[in-house]
Amino acid sequence: MEVEFNIAGRILAKDGTRVISLAEILASPLVVKGTAGVETSEAAGAATNAADLTEDLLAAYCKSVSAQNSCKVYLWKDREEYGNANVFNGGSDYEVVNEICFLCIFDCGNEVARETTDHWNEKIDAVI
């Protein structure tokens, strides 16, 4: 099976919307050095790719960016697992067989929402 991650976000500042990329998240001092309450110390191993980014770490990053910019920030991680499904008469389709979507929203450093669903969270569509 193949696993694909989609991690991104949006900063909804007064002067416009800005995209948050995976590269930006991974380069953040919060991710590189770790944050209080989130195990990313050198002993635990810092996040170096999308699979390493936990929900707690993403929420801490989202909160920090939101507080720093005094605005609303959306951040999501979508994990899609591909495999054979819908096998009919010997044929098969290779498609998403399992999905986990995490979404967190912070406004000026305050948590607005933090959800994990087993499908794409449609709240993300509002800011994409």
Protein backbone atom coordinates (compact mmCIF):
# COMPACT_ATOMS: atom_id res chain seq x y z
CA MET A 1 0.00 0.00 0.00
CA GLU A 2 1.03 3.52 -0.70
CA VAL A 3 0.51 6.43 1.73
CA GLU A 4 0.26 10.04 0.64
CA PHE A 5 0.30 13.11 2.90
CA ASN A 6 -1.06 16.56 2.15
CA ILE A 7 -0.05 19.14 4.75
CA ALA A 8 -0.73 22.82 4.23
CA GLY A 9 -2.47 25.79 5.70
CA ARG A 10 -3.58 29.37 5.28
CA ILE A 11 -2.89 32.53 7.24
CA LEU A 12 -5.92 34.80 7.00
CA ALA A 13 -4.34 38.15 7.81
CA LYS A 14 -5.92 41.58 7.37
CA ASP A 15 -3.54 42.34 4.50
CA GLY A 16 -4.47 39.14 2.64
CA THR A 17 -4.31 35.37 2.69
CA ARG A 18 -0.97 33.59 2.64
CA VAL A 19 -0.31 29.89 2.03
CA ILE A 20 1.65 27.83 4.57
CA SER A 21 3.69 25.12 2.86
CA LEU A 22 5.04 21.85 4.23
CA ALA A 23 8.58 23.14 3.72
CA GLU A 24 7.81 26.21 5.85
CA ILE A 25 6.40 24.04 8.64
CA LEU A 26 9.39 21.68 8.62
CA ALA A 27 11.81 24.65 8.71
CA SER A 28 10.06 26.25 11.68
CA PRO A 29 12.06 26.47 14.93
CA LEU A 30 9.05 24.87 16.68
CA VAL A 31 9.49 21.76 14.56
CA VAL A 32 13.29 21.75 14.40
CA LYS A 33 13.90 22.40 18.11
CA GLY A 34 10.61 21.19 19.55
CA THR A 35 7.97 22.89 21.69
CA ALA A 36 6.89 22.54 25.31
CA GLY A 37 4.57 19.59 25.73
CA VAL A 38 5.36 18.16 22.30
CA GLU A 39 7.95 15.43 21.97
CA THR A 40 10.25 16.68 19.22
CA SER A 41 13.48 16.98 21.17
CA GLU A 42 16.67 15.64 19.69
CA ALA A 43 16.24 12.58 21.90
CA ALA A 44 12.78 11.94 20.47
CA GLY A 45 13.85 12.95 16.95
CA ALA A 46 12.73 16.16 15.25
CA ALA A 47 10.17 16.02 12.46
CA THR A 48 11.92 15.76 9.12
CA ASN A 49 9.02 14.83 6.84
CA ALA A 50 5.23 14.87 6.64
CA ALA A 51 4.83 11.50 8.36
CA ASP A 52 6.69 12.79 11.44
CA LEU A 53 4.38 15.76 11.99
CA THR A 54 1.99 14.82 14.78
CA GLU A 55 -1.35 16.49 15.42
CA ASP A 56 0.02 18.05 18.62
CA LEU A 57 3.00 19.49 16.81
CA LEU A 58 0.85 20.89 14.01
CA ALA A 59 -1.55 22.44 16.53
CA ALA A 60 1.38 24.04 18.42
CA TYR A 61 2.73 25.46 15.15
CA CYS A 62 -0.72 26.74 14.15
CA LYS A 63 -1.21 28.40 17.54
CA SER A 64 2.20 30.07 17.37
CA VAL A 65 1.69 31.44 13.84
CA SER A 66 -1.80 32.64 14.75
CA ALA A 67 -0.59 34.46 17.87
CA GLN A 68 2.42 35.90 16.05
CA ASN A 69 0.29 37.32 13.22
CA SER A 70 -2.79 38.18 15.35
CA CYS A 71 -5.11 36.48 12.89
CA LYS A 72 -6.92 33.27 12.03
CA VAL A 73 -4.81 30.34 10.82
CA TYR A 74 -6.01 27.05 9.31
CA LEU A 75 -3.67 24.06 9.21
CA TRP A 76 -4.46 20.56 7.97
CA LYS A 77 -2.87 17.18 7.47
CA ASP A 78 -4.58 14.70 5.16
CA ARG A 79 -3.28 11.11 5.16
CA GLU A 80 -4.52 8.93 2.29
CA GLU A 81 -3.77 5.23 2.09
CA TYR A 82 -4.11 3.73 -1.39
CA GLY A 83 -4.87 0.11 -2.15
CA ASN A 84 -7.02 -2.22 -4.22
CA ALA A 85 -10.74 -1.73 -3.73
CA ASN A 86 -14.01 -2.50 -5.48
CA VAL A 87 -12.84 -5.76 -7.04
CA PHE A 88 -15.38 -6.95 -9.64
CA ASN A 89 -14.96 -9.90 -12.01
CA GLY A 90 -11.22 -10.16 -11.45
CA GLY A 91 -10.51 -6.47 -12.02
CA SER A 92 -9.58 -3.92 -9.42
CA ASP A 93 -9.41 -0.21 -8.81
CA TYR A 94 -6.46 1.35 -7.05
CA GLU A 95 -7.93 4.08 -4.87
CA VAL A 96 -8.06 5.59 -1.41
CA VAL A 97 -9.06 2.85 1.02
CA ASN A 98 -8.35 4.73 4.27
CA GLU A 99 -8.16 8.45 5.00
CA ILE A 100 -7.47 10.46 8.14
CA CYS A 101 -7.83 14.21 8.03
CA PHE A 102 -6.69 16.53 10.83
CA LEU A 103 -7.73 20.19 10.91
CA CYS A 104 -6.90 22.86 13.45
CA ILE A 105 -7.98 26.47 13.46
CA PHE A 106 -6.57 29.14 15.74
CA ASP A 107 -7.54 32.80 15.93
CA CYS A 108 -5.05 35.18 17.60
CA GLY A 109 -3.52 32.23 19.45
CA ASN A 110 -6.85 30.86 20.70
CA GLU A 111 -8.08 27.44 19.57
CA VAL A 112 -11.27 27.66 17.49
CA ALA A 113 -11.40 24.05 16.26
CA ARG A 114 -9.33 20.88 16.34
CA GLU A 115 -10.84 17.90 14.55
CA THR A 116 -9.77 14.51 13.25
CA THR A 117 -12.08 12.83 10.75
CA ASP A 118 -12.00 9.66 8.64
CA HIS A 119 -12.65 11.68 5.47
CA TRP A 120 -11.70 15.00 3.88
CA ASN A 121 -12.88 17.79 6.18
CA GLU A 122 -15.06 20.10 4.09
CA LYS A 123 -14.23 23.07 6.35
CA ILE A 124 -10.87 23.18 4.58
CA ASP A 125 -12.59 23.93 1.27
CA ALA A 126 -13.64 27.33 2.66
CA VAL A 127 -10.02 28.53 2.69
CA ILE A 128 -8.48 26.67 -0.25
